[in-house]
Amino acid sequence: NMICAGIPEGGKDSCQGDSGGPMVVEENGKWKLVGVVSWGYGCAR
C-alpha cells in the first residue's frame, strides 16, 4: 500500500509540513494522484 520516490544521492524530497499532499504523475495529458505524502527517514537523505 506504499509507493516510493527519490534519487540515490538524495537532495530532493518531501519534508515536514508536506504530509498529506499529492504526488502526481502526468498520464495522457492529465495529472493523476498516485501517492499521498506519508513518511521517510529524515528529508532528502
All heavy atoms as atom14 arrays in JSON, in Angstrom:
{
  "sequence": "NMICAGIPEGGKDSCQGDSGGPMVVEENGKWKLVGVVSWGYGCAR",
  "atom14_mask": [
    [1, 1, 1, 1, 1, 1, 1, 1, 0, 0, 0, 0, 0, 0],
    [1, 1, 1, 1, 1, 1, 1, 1, 0, 0, 0, 0, 0, 0],
    [1, 1, 1, 1, 1, 1, 1, 1, 0, 0, 0, 0, 0, 0],
    [1, 1, 1, 1, 1, 1, 0, 0, 0, 0, 0, 0, 0, 0],
    [1, 1, 1, 1, 1, 0, 0, 0, 0, 0, 0, 0, 0, 0],
    [1, 1, 1, 1, 0, 0, 0, 0, 0, 0, 0, 0, 0, 0],
    [1, 1, 1, 1, 1, 1, 1, 1, 0, 0, 0, 0, 0, 0],
    [1, 1, 1, 1, 1, 1, 1, 0, 0, 0, 0, 0, 0, 0],
    [1, 1, 1, 1, 1, 1, 1, 1, 1, 0, 0, 0, 0, 0],
    [1, 1, 1, 1, 0, 0, 0, 0, 0, 0, 0, 0, 0, 0],
    [1, 1, 1, 1, 0, 0, 0, 0, 0, 0, 0, 0, 0, 0],
    [1, 1, 1, 1, 1, 1, 1, 1, 1, 0, 0, 0, 0, 0],
    [1, 1, 1, 1, 1, 1, 1, 1, 0, 0, 0, 0, 0, 0],
    [1, 1, 1, 1, 1, 1, 0, 0, 0, 0, 0, 0, 0, 0],
    [1, 1, 1, 1, 1, 1, 0, 0, 0, 0, 0, 0, 0, 0],
    [1, 1, 1, 1, 1, 1, 1, 1, 1, 0, 0, 0, 0, 0],
    [1, 1, 1, 1, 0, 0, 0, 0, 0, 0, 0, 0, 0, 0],
    [1, 1, 1, 1, 1, 1, 1, 1, 0, 0, 0, 0, 0, 0],
    [1, 1, 1, 1, 1, 1, 0, 0, 0, 0, 0, 0, 0, 0],
    [1, 1, 1, 1, 0, 0, 0, 0, 0, 0, 0, 0, 0, 0],
    [1, 1, 1, 1, 0, 0, 0, 0, 0, 0, 0, 0, 0, 0],
    [1, 1, 1, 1, 1, 1, 1, 0, 0, 0, 0, 0, 0, 0],
    [1, 1, 1, 1, 1, 1, 1, 1, 0, 0, 0, 0, 0, 0],
    [1, 1, 1, 1, 1, 1, 1, 0, 0, 0, 0, 0, 0, 0],
    [1, 1, 1, 1, 1, 1, 1, 0, 0, 0, 0, 0, 0, 0],
    [1, 1, 1, 1, 1, 1, 1, 1, 1, 0, 0, 0, 0, 0],
    [1, 1, 1, 1, 1, 1, 1, 1, 1, 0, 0, 0, 0, 0],
    [1, 1, 1, 1, 1, 1, 1, 1, 0, 0, 0, 0, 0, 0],
    [1, 1, 1, 1, 0, 0, 0, 0, 0, 0, 0, 0, 0, 0],
    [1, 1, 1, 1, 1, 1, 1, 1, 1, 0, 0, 0, 0, 0],
    [1, 1, 1, 1, 1, 1, 1, 1, 1, 1, 1, 1, 1, 1],
    [1, 1, 1, 1, 1, 1, 1, 1, 1, 0, 0, 0, 0, 0],
    [1, 1, 1, 1, 1, 1, 1, 1, 0, 0, 0, 0, 0, 0],
    [1, 1, 1, 1, 1, 1, 1, 0, 0, 0, 0, 0, 0, 0],
    [1, 1, 1, 1, 0, 0, 0, 0, 0, 0, 0, 0, 0, 0],
    [1, 1, 1, 1, 1, 1, 1, 0, 0, 0, 0, 0, 0, 0],
    [1, 1, 1, 1, 1, 1, 1, 0, 0, 0, 0, 0, 0, 0],
    [1, 1, 1, 1, 1, 1, 0, 0, 0, 0, 0, 0, 0, 0],
    [1, 1, 1, 1, 1, 1, 1, 1, 1, 1, 1, 1, 1, 1],
    [1, 1, 1, 1, 0, 0, 0, 0, 0, 0, 0, 0, 0, 0],
    [1, 1, 1, 1, 1, 1, 1, 1, 1, 1, 1, 1, 0, 0],
    [1, 1, 1, 1, 0, 0, 0, 0, 0, 0, 0, 0, 0, 0],
    [1, 1, 1, 1, 1, 1, 0, 0, 0, 0, 0, 0, 0, 0],
    [1, 1, 1, 1, 1, 0, 0, 0, 0, 0, 0, 0, 0, 0],
    [1, 1, 1, 1, 1, 1, 1, 1, 1, 1, 1, 0, 0, 0]
  ],
  "atom14_positions": [
    [[0.81, -1.22, 0.0], [0.0, 0.0, 0.0], [0.84, 1.27, 0.0], [0.31, 2.36, 0.22], [-0.93, 0.0, 1.21], [-1.85, -1.19, 1.21], [-2.53, -1.45, 0.23], [-1.87, -1.94, 2.3], [0.0, 0.0, 0.0], [0.0, 0.0, 0.0], [0.0, 0.0, 0.0], [0.0, 0.0, 0.0], [0.0, 0.0, 0.0], [0.0, 0.0, 0.0]],
    [[2.13, 1.13, -0.25], [3.05, 2.26, -0.3], [3.73, 2.32, -1.65], [3.85, 1.31, -2.36], [4.1, 2.13, 0.81], [3.54, 2.07, 2.22], [4.83, 1.73, 3.46], [3.83, 1.52, 4.94], [0.0, 0.0, 0.0], [0.0, 0.0, 0.0], [0.0, 0.0, 0.0], [0.0, 0.0, 0.0], [0.0, 0.0, 0.0], [0.0, 0.0, 0.0]],
    [[4.2, 3.5, -2.03], [5.0, 3.71, -3.22], [6.09, 4.71, -2.87], [5.84, 5.67, -2.13], [4.13, 4.2, -4.41], [4.98, 4.39, -5.68], [3.36, 5.46, -4.07], [4.16, 4.67, -6.93], [0.0, 0.0, 0.0], [0.0, 0.0, 0.0], [0.0, 0.0, 0.0], [0.0, 0.0, 0.0], [0.0, 0.0, 0.0], [0.0, 0.0, 0.0]],
    [[7.31, 4.47, -3.38], [8.46, 5.3, -3.01], [8.95, 6.1, -4.2], [8.79, 5.71, -5.35], [9.59, 4.42, -2.5], [9.15, 3.37, -1.09], [0.0, 0.0, 0.0], [0.0, 0.0, 0.0], [0.0, 0.0, 0.0], [0.0, 0.0, 0.0], [0.0, 0.0, 0.0], [0.0, 0.0, 0.0], [0.0, 0.0, 0.0], [0.0, 0.0, 0.0]],
    [[9.58, 7.24, -3.89], [10.15, 8.09, -4.93], [11.34, 8.84, -4.36], [11.3, 9.32, -3.23], [9.11, 9.06, -5.46], [0.0, 0.0, 0.0], [0.0, 0.0, 0.0], [0.0, 0.0, 0.0], [0.0, 0.0, 0.0], [0.0, 0.0, 0.0], [0.0, 0.0, 0.0], [0.0, 0.0, 0.0], [0.0, 0.0, 0.0], [0.0, 0.0, 0.0]],
    [[12.38, 8.96, -5.16], [13.57, 9.69, -4.74], [14.74, 9.36, -5.64], [14.65, 8.51, -6.53], [0.0, 0.0, 0.0], [0.0, 0.0, 0.0], [0.0, 0.0, 0.0], [0.0, 0.0, 0.0], [0.0, 0.0, 0.0], [0.0, 0.0, 0.0], [0.0, 0.0, 0.0], [0.0, 0.0, 0.0], [0.0, 0.0, 0.0], [0.0, 0.0, 0.0]],
    [[15.86, 10.04, -5.39], [17.08, 9.8, -6.15], [18.15, 9.28, -5.21], [18.18, 9.64, -4.02], [17.56, 11.07, -6.88], [17.7, 12.25, -5.93], [16.59, 11.42, -8.01], [18.24, 13.52, -6.57], [0.0, 0.0, 0.0], [0.0, 0.0, 0.0], [0.0, 0.0, 0.0], [0.0, 0.0, 0.0], [0.0, 0.0, 0.0], [0.0, 0.0, 0.0]],
    [[19.05, 8.38, -5.69], [20.02, 7.73, -4.79], [20.88, 8.71, -4.01], [21.19, 8.48, -2.84], [20.87, 6.89, -5.76], [19.99, 6.64, -6.93], [19.15, 7.88, -7.07], [0.0, 0.0, 0.0], [0.0, 0.0, 0.0], [0.0, 0.0, 0.0], [0.0, 0.0, 0.0], [0.0, 0.0, 0.0], [0.0, 0.0, 0.0], [0.0, 0.0, 0.0]],
    [[21.27, 9.82, -4.66], [22.16, 10.76, -3.98], [21.44, 11.68, -3.01], [22.07, 12.46, -2.29], [22.92, 11.6, -5.02], [22.04, 12.49, -5.88], [21.55, 11.83, -7.16], [21.41, 10.58, -7.18], [21.31, 12.57, -8.14], [0.0, 0.0, 0.0], [0.0, 0.0, 0.0], [0.0, 0.0, 0.0], [0.0, 0.0, 0.0], [0.0, 0.0, 0.0]],
    [[20.12, 11.61, -2.96], [19.35, 12.48, -2.08], [19.3, 13.9, -2.62], [19.62, 14.17, -3.77], [0.0, 0.0, 0.0], [0.0, 0.0, 0.0], [0.0, 0.0, 0.0], [0.0, 0.0, 0.0], [0.0, 0.0, 0.0], [0.0, 0.0, 0.0], [0.0, 0.0, 0.0], [0.0, 0.0, 0.0], [0.0, 0.0, 0.0], [0.0, 0.0, 0.0]],
    [[18.85, 14.81, -1.77], [18.8, 16.21, -2.16], [17.46, 16.67, -2.68], [17.24, 17.88, -2.83], [0.0, 0.0, 0.0], [0.0, 0.0, 0.0], [0.0, 0.0, 0.0], [0.0, 0.0, 0.0], [0.0, 0.0, 0.0], [0.0, 0.0, 0.0], [0.0, 0.0, 0.0], [0.0, 0.0, 0.0], [0.0, 0.0, 0.0], [0.0, 0.0, 0.0]],
    [[16.55, 15.75, -2.98], [15.21, 16.11, -3.44], [14.2, 15.21, -2.73], [14.31, 13.99, -2.8], [15.08, 15.92, -4.96], [15.93, 16.85, -5.79], [15.65, 16.65, -7.28], [16.45, 17.64, -8.12], [16.12, 17.51, -9.56], [0.0, 0.0, 0.0], [0.0, 0.0, 0.0], [0.0, 0.0, 0.0], [0.0, 0.0, 0.0], [0.0, 0.0, 0.0]],
    [[13.22, 15.84, -2.08], [12.31, 15.03, -1.27], [11.19, 15.92, -0.72], [11.28, 17.15, -0.74], [13.07, 14.42, -0.1], [12.35, 13.27, 0.6], [11.3, 12.81, 0.08], [12.83, 12.83, 1.66], [0.0, 0.0, 0.0], [0.0, 0.0, 0.0], [0.0, 0.0, 0.0], [0.0, 0.0, 0.0], [0.0, 0.0, 0.0], [0.0, 0.0, 0.0]],
    [[10.15, 15.28, -0.23], [9.18, 15.96, 0.61], [9.75, 16.02, 2.03], [10.72, 15.34, 2.35], [7.84, 15.22, 0.59], [8.01, 13.85, 0.9], [0.0, 0.0, 0.0], [0.0, 0.0, 0.0], [0.0, 0.0, 0.0], [0.0, 0.0, 0.0], [0.0, 0.0, 0.0], [0.0, 0.0, 0.0], [0.0, 0.0, 0.0], [0.0, 0.0, 0.0]],
    [[9.13, 16.85, 2.88], [9.69, 17.04, 4.22], [8.57, 17.4, 5.19], [7.38, 17.31, 4.85], [10.75, 18.14, 4.17], [11.95, 18.1, 5.54], [0.0, 0.0, 0.0], [0.0, 0.0, 0.0], [0.0, 0.0, 0.0], [0.0, 0.0, 0.0], [0.0, 0.0, 0.0], [0.0, 0.0, 0.0], [0.0, 0.0, 0.0], [0.0, 0.0, 0.0]],
    [[8.93, 17.83, 6.42], [7.92, 18.19, 7.41], [7.0, 19.26, 6.85], [7.45, 20.21, 6.24], [8.56, 18.72, 8.69], [9.53, 17.78, 9.35], [10.96, 18.23, 9.13], [11.37, 18.5, 8.01], [11.73, 18.26, 10.2], [0.0, 0.0, 0.0], [0.0, 0.0, 0.0], [0.0, 0.0, 0.0], [0.0, 0.0, 0.0], [0.0, 0.0, 0.0]],
    [[5.7, 19.08, 7.05], [4.72, 20.03, 6.55], [4.15, 19.66, 5.2], [3.15, 20.23, 4.77], [0.0, 0.0, 0.0], [0.0, 0.0, 0.0], [0.0, 0.0, 0.0], [0.0, 0.0, 0.0], [0.0, 0.0, 0.0], [0.0, 0.0, 0.0], [0.0, 0.0, 0.0], [0.0, 0.0, 0.0], [0.0, 0.0, 0.0], [0.0, 0.0, 0.0]],
    [[4.79, 18.7, 4.51], [4.28, 18.25, 3.21], [3.3, 17.09, 3.35], [2.63, 16.73, 2.38], [5.44, 17.81, 2.31], [6.3, 18.98, 1.87], [5.74, 20.06, 1.63], [7.53, 18.8, 1.78], [0.0, 0.0, 0.0], [0.0, 0.0, 0.0], [0.0, 0.0, 0.0], [0.0, 0.0, 0.0], [0.0, 0.0, 0.0], [0.0, 0.0, 0.0]],
    [[3.24, 16.48, 4.53], [2.38, 15.31, 4.74], [0.97, 15.53, 4.21], [0.4, 16.61, 4.36], [2.29, 14.98, 6.23], [3.4, 14.25, 6.65], [0.0, 0.0, 0.0], [0.0, 0.0, 0.0], [0.0, 0.0, 0.0], [0.0, 0.0, 0.0], [0.0, 0.0, 0.0], [0.0, 0.0, 0.0], [0.0, 0.0, 0.0], [0.0, 0.0, 0.0]],
    [[0.42, 14.49, 3.63], [-0.95, 14.54, 3.14], [-1.08, 15.12, 1.75], [-2.11, 15.0, 1.11], [0.0, 0.0, 0.0], [0.0, 0.0, 0.0], [0.0, 0.0, 0.0], [0.0, 0.0, 0.0], [0.0, 0.0, 0.0], [0.0, 0.0, 0.0], [0.0, 0.0, 0.0], [0.0, 0.0, 0.0], [0.0, 0.0, 0.0], [0.0, 0.0, 0.0]],
    [[0.0, 15.77, 1.29], [-0.03, 16.41, -0.02], [0.11, 15.4, -1.15], [0.39, 14.23, -0.94], [0.0, 0.0, 0.0], [0.0, 0.0, 0.0], [0.0, 0.0, 0.0], [0.0, 0.0, 0.0], [0.0, 0.0, 0.0], [0.0, 0.0, 0.0], [0.0, 0.0, 0.0], [0.0, 0.0, 0.0], [0.0, 0.0, 0.0], [0.0, 0.0, 0.0]],
    [[-0.05, 15.88, -2.39], [-0.09, 14.97, -3.53], [1.27, 14.65, -4.13], [2.17, 15.48, -4.17], [-0.91, 15.77, -4.54], [-0.6, 17.2, -4.23], [-0.43, 17.26, -2.74], [0.0, 0.0, 0.0], [0.0, 0.0, 0.0], [0.0, 0.0, 0.0], [0.0, 0.0, 0.0], [0.0, 0.0, 0.0], [0.0, 0.0, 0.0], [0.0, 0.0, 0.0]],
    [[1.37, 13.41, -4.61], [2.39, 13.03, -5.57], [1.64, 12.67, -6.85], [0.79, 11.77, -6.85], [3.22, 11.83, -5.1], [4.27, 11.42, -6.14], [5.44, 10.19, -5.54], [4.43, 8.71, -5.56], [0.0, 0.0, 0.0], [0.0, 0.0, 0.0], [0.0, 0.0, 0.0], [0.0, 0.0, 0.0], [0.0, 0.0, 0.0], [0.0, 0.0, 0.0]],
    [[1.89, 13.42, -7.92], [1.12, 13.27, -9.14], [2.01, 12.87, -10.3], [3.2, 13.18, -10.34], [0.34, 14.57, -9.49], [-0.7, 14.87, -8.43], [1.3, 15.76, -9.66], [0.0, 0.0, 0.0], [0.0, 0.0, 0.0], [0.0, 0.0, 0.0], [0.0, 0.0, 0.0], [0.0, 0.0, 0.0], [0.0, 0.0, 0.0], [0.0, 0.0, 0.0]],
    [[1.4, 12.18, -11.26], [2.08, 11.73, -12.47], [1.23, 12.15, -13.66], [0.0, 11.99, -13.63], [2.28, 10.2, -12.46], [2.73, 9.69, -13.82], [3.3, 9.81, -11.39], [0.0, 0.0, 0.0], [0.0, 0.0, 0.0], [0.0, 0.0, 0.0], [0.0, 0.0, 0.0], [0.0, 0.0, 0.0], [0.0, 0.0, 0.0], [0.0, 0.0, 0.0]],
    [[1.87, 12.65, -14.7], [1.14, 13.01, -15.91], [0.94, 11.76, -16.77], [1.89, 11.03, -17.05], [1.9, 14.06, -16.72], [1.1, 14.59, -17.9], [1.82, 15.66, -18.67], [3.04, 15.85, -18.45], [1.17, 16.33, -19.5], [0.0, 0.0, 0.0], [0.0, 0.0, 0.0], [0.0, 0.0, 0.0], [0.0, 0.0, 0.0], [0.0, 0.0, 0.0]],
    [[-0.3, 11.53, -17.14], [-0.65, 10.36, -17.93], [-1.67, 10.77, -18.98], [-2.77, 11.21, -18.64], [-1.21, 9.26, -17.02], [-1.47, 7.95, -17.72], [-2.0, 6.88, -16.77], [-2.63, 7.23, -15.74], [-1.81, 5.7, -17.06], [0.0, 0.0, 0.0], [0.0, 0.0, 0.0], [0.0, 0.0, 0.0], [0.0, 0.0, 0.0], [0.0, 0.0, 0.0]],
    [[-1.29, 10.66, -20.24], [-2.18, 11.03, -21.34], [-2.7, 12.46, -21.21], [-3.88, 12.74, -21.43], [-3.35, 10.05, -21.44], [-2.89, 8.63, -21.72], [-1.96, 8.41, -22.49], [-3.53, 7.66, -21.07], [0.0, 0.0, 0.0], [0.0, 0.0, 0.0], [0.0, 0.0, 0.0], [0.0, 0.0, 0.0], [0.0, 0.0, 0.0], [0.0, 0.0, 0.0]],
    [[-1.79, 13.35, -20.8], [-2.14, 14.76, -20.74], [-2.87, 15.2, -19.5], [-3.22, 16.38, -19.38], [0.0, 0.0, 0.0], [0.0, 0.0, 0.0], [0.0, 0.0, 0.0], [0.0, 0.0, 0.0], [0.0, 0.0, 0.0], [0.0, 0.0, 0.0], [0.0, 0.0, 0.0], [0.0, 0.0, 0.0], [0.0, 0.0, 0.0], [0.0, 0.0, 0.0]],
    [[-3.11, 14.29, -18.56], [-3.77, 14.65, -17.3], [-2.9, 14.22, -16.13], [-2.2, 13.21, -16.19], [-5.15, 13.98, -17.21], [-6.15, 14.53, -18.21], [-7.55, 14.05, -17.9], [-8.58, 14.72, -18.8], [-9.96, 14.35, -18.44], [0.0, 0.0, 0.0], [0.0, 0.0, 0.0], [0.0, 0.0, 0.0], [0.0, 0.0, 0.0], [0.0, 0.0, 0.0]],
    [[-2.99, 15.01, -15.06], [-2.21, 14.71, -13.87], [-3.05, 13.89, -12.91], [-4.19, 14.26, -12.59], [-1.73, 16.01, -13.22], [-0.69, 16.68, -14.06], [-0.9, 17.5, -15.13], [0.72, 16.55, -13.93], [0.3, 17.9, -15.67], [1.31, 17.34, -14.95], [1.55, 15.86, -13.04], [2.7, 17.44, -15.11], [2.94, 15.98, -13.19], [3.49, 16.75, -14.22]],
    [[-2.47, 12.78, -12.47], [-3.21, 11.82, -11.64], [-2.54, 11.65, -10.28], [-1.31, 11.63, -10.17], [-3.32, 10.49, -12.37], [-4.05, 10.63, -13.71], [-4.39, 9.31, -14.34], [-5.19, 9.53, -15.63], [-5.59, 8.24, -16.24], [0.0, 0.0, 0.0], [0.0, 0.0, 0.0], [0.0, 0.0, 0.0], [0.0, 0.0, 0.0], [0.0, 0.0, 0.0]],
    [[-3.38, 11.52, -9.27], [-2.92, 11.38, -7.89], [-2.51, 9.93, -7.64], [-3.36, 9.06, -7.47], [-4.04, 11.79, -6.93], [-3.71, 11.74, -5.44], [-2.67, 12.79, -5.07], [-4.99, 11.93, -4.6], [0.0, 0.0, 0.0], [0.0, 0.0, 0.0], [0.0, 0.0, 0.0], [0.0, 0.0, 0.0], [0.0, 0.0, 0.0], [0.0, 0.0, 0.0]],
    [[-1.22, 9.68, -7.62], [-0.74, 8.31, -7.44], [-0.22, 8.07, -6.02], [-0.1, 6.93, -5.59], [0.33, 7.93, -8.47], [-0.21, 8.1, -9.88], [1.6, 8.75, -8.29], [0.0, 0.0, 0.0], [0.0, 0.0, 0.0], [0.0, 0.0, 0.0], [0.0, 0.0, 0.0], [0.0, 0.0, 0.0], [0.0, 0.0, 0.0], [0.0, 0.0, 0.0]],
    [[0.09, 9.16, -5.29], [0.61, 8.99, -3.94], [0.2, 10.13, -3.03], [-0.12, 11.23, -3.49], [0.0, 0.0, 0.0], [0.0, 0.0, 0.0], [0.0, 0.0, 0.0], [0.0, 0.0, 0.0], [0.0, 0.0, 0.0], [0.0, 0.0, 0.0], [0.0, 0.0, 0.0], [0.0, 0.0, 0.0], [0.0, 0.0, 0.0], [0.0, 0.0, 0.0]],
    [[0.22, 9.85, -1.73], [-0.04, 10.84, -0.69], [1.18, 10.85, 0.23], [1.61, 9.79, 0.73], [-1.32, 10.5, 0.11], [-1.49, 11.44, 1.29], [-2.54, 10.54, -0.8], [0.0, 0.0, 0.0], [0.0, 0.0, 0.0], [0.0, 0.0, 0.0], [0.0, 0.0, 0.0], [0.0, 0.0, 0.0], [0.0, 0.0, 0.0], [0.0, 0.0, 0.0]],
    [[1.76, 12.03, 0.46], [2.98, 12.13, 1.27], [2.75, 11.49, 2.64], [1.82, 11.86, 3.37], [3.42, 13.59, 1.44], [4.67, 13.67, 2.32], [3.68, 14.25, 0.09], [0.0, 0.0, 0.0], [0.0, 0.0, 0.0], [0.0, 0.0, 0.0], [0.0, 0.0, 0.0], [0.0, 0.0, 0.0], [0.0, 0.0, 0.0], [0.0, 0.0, 0.0]],
    [[3.59, 10.51, 2.98], [3.38, 9.74, 4.2], [4.55, 9.8, 5.16], [4.47, 10.43, 6.21], [3.06, 8.28, 3.82], [2.81, 7.5, 4.98], [0.0, 0.0, 0.0], [0.0, 0.0, 0.0], [0.0, 0.0, 0.0], [0.0, 0.0, 0.0], [0.0, 0.0, 0.0], [0.0, 0.0, 0.0], [0.0, 0.0, 0.0], [0.0, 0.0, 0.0]],
    [[5.7, 9.15, 4.82], [6.78, 9.09, 5.79], [8.15, 8.93, 5.11], [8.24, 8.84, 3.89], [6.57, 7.97, 6.8], [6.59, 6.56, 6.24], [5.54, 5.9, 5.64], [7.68, 5.65, 6.25], [5.93, 4.65, 5.28], [7.24, 4.46, 5.64], [9.0, 5.71, 6.72], [8.06, 3.33, 5.48], [9.83, 4.6, 6.56], [9.36, 3.43, 5.95]],
    [[9.16, 8.88, 5.92], [10.53, 8.67, 5.44], [11.5, 8.89, 6.58], [11.14, 9.42, 7.62], [0.0, 0.0, 0.0], [0.0, 0.0, 0.0], [0.0, 0.0, 0.0], [0.0, 0.0, 0.0], [0.0, 0.0, 0.0], [0.0, 0.0, 0.0], [0.0, 0.0, 0.0], [0.0, 0.0, 0.0], [0.0, 0.0, 0.0], [0.0, 0.0, 0.0]],
    [[12.75, 8.46, 6.39], [13.8, 8.72, 7.38], [14.44, 10.05, 7.04], [15.19, 10.18, 6.07], [14.85, 7.61, 7.35], [14.42, 6.3, 7.97], [15.09, 5.12, 7.67], [13.35, 6.23, 8.85], [14.71, 3.91, 8.24], [12.96, 5.03, 9.42], [13.63, 3.87, 9.11], [13.25, 2.68, 9.67], [0.0, 0.0, 0.0], [0.0, 0.0, 0.0]],
    [[14.13, 11.07, 7.82], [14.65, 12.39, 7.56], [14.09, 12.97, 6.28], [13.02, 12.57, 5.8], [0.0, 0.0, 0.0], [0.0, 0.0, 0.0], [0.0, 0.0, 0.0], [0.0, 0.0, 0.0], [0.0, 0.0, 0.0], [0.0, 0.0, 0.0], [0.0, 0.0, 0.0], [0.0, 0.0, 0.0], [0.0, 0.0, 0.0], [0.0, 0.0, 0.0]],
    [[14.81, 13.92, 5.7], [14.4, 14.56, 4.45], [15.57, 14.57, 3.48], [16.65, 15.09, 3.82], [13.95, 16.0, 4.69], [12.54, 16.2, 5.79], [0.0, 0.0, 0.0], [0.0, 0.0, 0.0], [0.0, 0.0, 0.0], [0.0, 0.0, 0.0], [0.0, 0.0, 0.0], [0.0, 0.0, 0.0], [0.0, 0.0, 0.0], [0.0, 0.0, 0.0]],
    [[15.35, 14.03, 2.3], [16.31, 14.11, 1.19], [17.66, 13.47, 1.52], [18.69, 13.87, 0.96], [16.49, 15.57, 0.77], [0.0, 0.0, 0.0], [0.0, 0.0, 0.0], [0.0, 0.0, 0.0], [0.0, 0.0, 0.0], [0.0, 0.0, 0.0], [0.0, 0.0, 0.0], [0.0, 0.0, 0.0], [0.0, 0.0, 0.0], [0.0, 0.0, 0.0]],
    [[17.68, 12.48, 2.39], [18.93, 11.8, 2.68], [19.26, 10.82, 1.55], [18.36, 10.26, 0.92], [18.83, 11.03, 4.0], [18.6, 11.9, 5.22], [18.53, 11.05, 6.49], [18.19, 11.83, 7.66], [18.06, 11.32, 8.88], [18.26, 10.02, 9.07], [17.73, 12.1, 9.9], [0.0, 0.0, 0.0], [0.0, 0.0, 0.0], [0.0, 0.0, 0.0]]
  ]
}
